[in-house]
Structures are given as C-alpha cells and as structure tokens.
C-alpha cells in the first residue's frame, strides 16, 4: 500500500509512513498526488451514495 503527499506528486510505502510519519522517504510519482487520490475517493463515495449503497 502507498501513502501519497497531499500537495506533491510523491509517495512512500504505507508501512514506512506508519513507522516514521513525516520523516518517511518519499519518491516522485509522475501523475498522482495525494490531492488526486482524495478527489477520486470523494467521487467514488458520491457515486455509491447516489446508487443507494450507503445508509
């Protein structure tokens, strides 16, 4: 699993993030930032709510 920086196109391993927090080693990622991941997650949840999958 990966953890993404919100404002930058960078990621680290989730295990490294949980162990080291902000001191985890991040690697550049060509096309995804944490903001991109959050926007996709929000859109997915909105679709599921609209489809009646959430109470």
C-alpha atoms as a PDB file:
ATOM      1  CA  UNK A   1       0.000   0.000   0.000  1.00  0.00           C
ATOM      2  CA  UNK A   2       1.165   3.553  -0.650  1.00  0.00           C
ATOM      3  CA  UNK A   3       0.796   6.880   1.140  1.00  0.00           C
ATOM      4  CA  UNK A   4       0.779   9.999  -1.047  1.00  0.00           C
ATOM      5  CA  UNK A   5       1.792  13.544  -0.200  1.00  0.00           C
ATOM      6  CA  UNK A   6      -1.250  15.789  -0.496  1.00  0.00           C
ATOM      7  CA  UNK A   7       0.435  18.707  -2.253  1.00  0.00           C
ATOM      8  CA  UNK A   8       3.154  16.912  -4.241  1.00  0.00           C
ATOM      9  CA  UNK A   9       3.400  14.085  -6.744  1.00  0.00           C
ATOM     10  CA  UNK A  10       5.215  11.765  -4.368  1.00  0.00           C
ATOM     11  CA  UNK A  11       4.509   8.561  -2.444  1.00  0.00           C
ATOM     12  CA  UNK A  12       6.037   6.257   0.146  1.00  0.00           C
ATOM     13  CA  UNK A  13       5.255   2.794   1.442  1.00  0.00           C
ATOM     14  CA  UNK A  14       2.445   2.881   3.997  1.00  0.00           C
ATOM     15  CA  UNK A  15       4.499   0.773   6.435  1.00  0.00           C
ATOM     16  CA  UNK A  16       7.298   3.355   6.247  1.00  0.00           C
ATOM     17  CA  UNK A  17       4.765   6.144   6.843  1.00  0.00           C
ATOM     18  CA  UNK A  18       3.280   4.444   9.915  1.00  0.00           C
ATOM     19  CA  UNK A  19       6.751   3.819  11.324  1.00  0.00           C
ATOM     20  CA  UNK A  20       8.321   7.212  10.530  1.00  0.00           C
ATOM     21  CA  UNK A  21       5.491   9.675   9.854  1.00  0.00           C
ATOM     22  CA  UNK A  22       6.678  12.839   8.165  1.00  0.00           C
ATOM     23  CA  UNK A  23      10.234  11.522   8.101  1.00  0.00           C
ATOM     24  CA  UNK A  24       9.327   8.656   5.761  1.00  0.00           C
ATOM     25  CA  UNK A  25      11.210   8.545   2.471  1.00  0.00           C
ATOM     26  CA  UNK A  26       9.010   9.744  -0.388  1.00  0.00           C
ATOM     27  CA  UNK A  27       9.603   9.000  -4.053  1.00  0.00           C
ATOM     28  CA  UNK A  28       8.481  11.081  -7.005  1.00  0.00           C
ATOM     29  CA  UNK A  29       5.411   9.907  -8.896  1.00  0.00           C
ATOM     30  CA  UNK A  30       4.732  11.057 -12.446  1.00  0.00           C
ATOM     31  CA  UNK A  31       0.991  11.587 -12.351  1.00  0.00           C
ATOM     32  CA  UNK A  32      -0.528  11.170  -8.884  1.00  0.00           C
ATOM     33  CA  UNK A  33      -0.573  13.366  -5.808  1.00  0.00           C
ATOM     34  CA  UNK A  34      -2.491  12.918  -2.591  1.00  0.00           C
ATOM     35  CA  UNK A  35      -4.987  15.509  -3.794  1.00  0.00           C
ATOM     36  CA  UNK A  36      -5.676  13.395  -6.913  1.00  0.00           C
ATOM     37  CA  UNK A  37      -6.250  10.331  -4.732  1.00  0.00           C
ATOM     38  CA  UNK A  38      -8.640  12.252  -2.445  1.00  0.00           C
ATOM     39  CA  UNK A  39     -10.638  13.630  -5.378  1.00  0.00           C
ATOM     40  CA  UNK A  40     -11.054  10.121  -6.840  1.00  0.00           C
ATOM     41  CA  UNK A  41     -12.137   8.765  -3.450  1.00  0.00           C
ATOM     42  CA  UNK A  42     -14.701  11.546  -2.994  1.00  0.00           C
ATOM     43  CA  UNK A  43     -16.132  10.916  -6.460  1.00  0.00           C
ATOM     44  CA  UNK A  44     -16.360   7.172  -5.765  1.00  0.00           C
ATOM     45  CA  UNK A  45     -18.182   7.736  -2.465  1.00  0.00           C
ATOM     46  CA  UNK A  46     -20.563  10.247  -4.067  1.00  0.00           C
ATOM     47  CA  UNK A  47     -21.416   7.682  -6.781  1.00  0.00           C
ATOM     48  CA  UNK A  48     -22.029   4.983  -4.172  1.00  0.00           C
ATOM     49  CA  UNK A  49     -24.277   7.315  -2.143  1.00  0.00           C
ATOM     50  CA  UNK A  50     -26.227   8.200  -5.301  1.00  0.00           C
ATOM     51  CA  UNK A  51     -26.611   4.483  -6.076  1.00  0.00           C
ATOM     52  CA  UNK A  52     -28.062   3.906  -2.577  1.00  0.00           C
ATOM     53  CA  UNK A  53     -25.175   1.811  -1.303  1.00  0.00           C
ATOM     54  CA  UNK A  54     -24.729   3.946   1.828  1.00  0.00           C
ATOM     55  CA  UNK A  55     -27.338   4.492   4.519  1.00  0.00           C
END
